[in-house]
Amino acid sequence: LRARKGPAIAIKATARKLAVQYWRLMVNGTTFIEKGGAHYQEQILKQKQKHLTKLAAEFHMQLVPAT
C-alpha cells in the first residue's frame, strides 16, 4: 500500500486496522486469531491470479498453465 499510495495513507490504514482489532477485542470480546504467513501468501497469490486473469481478458488473451 505504501508503494502505491504513499506513506501517509499506509500509516492511516495500519492504524485503522489496529483500531478495529482493538475494538473487536474490547467491546465484543472477540479474540484475535493469527492466520500465519502462509495464509497471507496464499491470499496475495489469489489476488495476483485474479488481476492477471482480468488483464488477459482485457487484451482478449487466454491464460495457459505452465508445464
C-alpha atoms as a PDB file:
ATOM      1  CA  LEU A   1       0.000   0.000   0.000  1.00  0.00           C
ATOM      2  CA  ARG A   2       2.833   2.333   0.822  1.00  0.00           C
ATOM      3  CA  ALA A   3       4.374   1.883  -2.624  1.00  0.00           C
ATOM      4  CA  ARG A   4       1.084   2.577  -4.398  1.00  0.00           C
ATOM      5  CA  LYS A   5      -0.491   5.354  -2.325  1.00  0.00           C
ATOM      6  CA  GLY A   6       2.281   6.789  -0.171  1.00  0.00           C
ATOM      7  CA  PRO A   7       3.400   6.534   3.440  1.00  0.00           C
ATOM      8  CA  ALA A   8       0.672   8.760   4.935  1.00  0.00           C
ATOM      9  CA  ILE A   9      -2.154   6.567   3.641  1.00  0.00           C
ATOM     10  CA  ALA A  10      -0.342   3.368   4.619  1.00  0.00           C
ATOM     11  CA  ILE A  11       0.086   4.643   8.188  1.00  0.00           C
ATOM     12  CA  LYS A  12      -3.609   5.567   8.407  1.00  0.00           C
ATOM     13  CA  ALA A  13      -4.628   2.157   7.046  1.00  0.00           C
ATOM     14  CA  THR A  14      -2.452   0.354   9.572  1.00  0.00           C
ATOM     15  CA  ALA A  15      -3.759   2.495  12.427  1.00  0.00           C
ATOM     16  CA  ARG A  16      -7.338   1.782  11.375  1.00  0.00           C
ATOM     17  CA  LYS A  17      -6.678  -1.951  11.170  1.00  0.00           C
ATOM     18  CA  LEU A  18      -5.219  -1.932  14.691  1.00  0.00           C
ATOM     19  CA  ALA A  19      -8.118   0.174  15.995  1.00  0.00           C
ATOM     20  CA  VAL A  20     -10.688  -2.230  14.542  1.00  0.00           C
ATOM     21  CA  GLN A  21      -8.919  -5.217  16.086  1.00  0.00           C
ATOM     22  CA  TYR A  22      -8.733  -3.440  19.453  1.00  0.00           C
ATOM     23  CA  TRP A  23     -12.429  -2.501  19.266  1.00  0.00           C
ATOM     24  CA  ARG A  24     -13.459  -6.072  18.463  1.00  0.00           C
ATOM     25  CA  LEU A  25     -11.380  -7.391  21.336  1.00  0.00           C
ATOM     26  CA  MET A  26     -12.536  -4.879  23.967  1.00  0.00           C
ATOM     27  CA  VAL A  27     -16.188  -4.401  23.010  1.00  0.00           C
ATOM     28  CA  ASN A  28     -17.245  -7.725  21.526  1.00  0.00           C
ATOM     29  CA  GLY A  29     -14.786  -9.968  23.326  1.00  0.00           C
ATOM     30  CA  THR A  30     -13.721 -11.473  20.013  1.00  0.00           C
ATOM     31  CA  THR A  31     -10.257 -12.978  20.143  1.00  0.00           C
ATOM     32  CA  PHE A  32      -7.573 -12.263  17.572  1.00  0.00           C
ATOM     33  CA  ILE A  33      -6.500 -15.316  15.614  1.00  0.00           C
ATOM     34  CA  GLU A  34      -3.160 -15.158  13.822  1.00  0.00           C
ATOM     35  CA  LYS A  35      -3.592 -16.912  10.493  1.00  0.00           C
ATOM     36  CA  GLY A  36       0.104 -17.193   9.781  1.00  0.00           C
ATOM     37  CA  GLY A  37       2.316 -16.131   6.927  1.00  0.00           C
ATOM     38  CA  ALA A  38       1.235 -18.965   4.630  1.00  0.00           C
ATOM     39  CA  HIS A  39      -2.354 -17.719   4.674  1.00  0.00           C
ATOM     40  CA  TYR A  40      -1.312 -14.226   3.654  1.00  0.00           C
ATOM     41  CA  GLN A  41       0.991 -15.534   0.913  1.00  0.00           C
ATOM     42  CA  GLU A  42      -1.918 -17.609  -0.441  1.00  0.00           C
ATOM     43  CA  GLN A  43      -4.159 -14.548  -0.350  1.00  0.00           C
ATOM     44  CA  ILE A  44      -1.601 -12.493  -2.286  1.00  0.00           C
ATOM     45  CA  LEU A  45      -1.239 -15.262  -4.876  1.00  0.00           C
ATOM     46  CA  LYS A  46      -5.030 -15.351  -5.392  1.00  0.00           C
ATOM     47  CA  GLN A  47      -5.107 -11.576  -5.848  1.00  0.00           C
ATOM     48  CA  LYS A  48      -2.318 -11.738  -8.434  1.00  0.00           C
ATOM     49  CA  GLN A  49      -4.064 -14.536 -10.322  1.00  0.00           C
ATOM     50  CA  LYS A  50      -7.315 -12.572 -10.364  1.00  0.00           C
ATOM     51  CA  HIS A  51      -5.534  -9.465 -11.641  1.00  0.00           C
ATOM     52  CA  LEU A  52      -3.711 -11.446 -14.330  1.00  0.00           C
ATOM     53  CA  THR A  53      -6.956 -13.087 -15.470  1.00  0.00           C
ATOM     54  CA  LYS A  54      -8.625  -9.672 -15.760  1.00  0.00           C
ATOM     55  CA  LEU A  55      -5.665  -8.311 -17.689  1.00  0.00           C
ATOM     56  CA  ALA A  56      -5.685 -11.265 -20.101  1.00  0.00           C
ATOM     57  CA  ALA A  57      -9.416 -10.796 -20.713  1.00  0.00           C
ATOM     58  CA  GLU A  58      -8.872  -7.094 -21.365  1.00  0.00           C
ATOM     59  CA  PHE A  59      -6.385  -7.919 -24.118  1.00  0.00           C
ATOM     60  CA  HIS A  60      -8.533 -10.790 -25.470  1.00  0.00           C
ATOM     61  CA  MET A  61      -5.949 -13.378 -24.481  1.00  0.00           C
ATOM     62  CA  GLN A  62      -6.205 -16.721 -22.758  1.00  0.00           C
ATOM     63  CA  LEU A  63      -4.018 -17.903 -19.881  1.00  0.00           C
ATOM     64  CA  VAL A  64      -2.345 -21.272 -20.315  1.00  0.00           C
ATOM     65  CA  PRO A  65      -0.848 -23.063 -17.295  1.00  0.00           C
ATOM     66  CA  ALA A  66       2.929 -23.551 -17.403  1.00  0.00           C
ATOM     67  CA  THR A  67       4.162 -27.103 -17.614  1.00  0.00           C
END
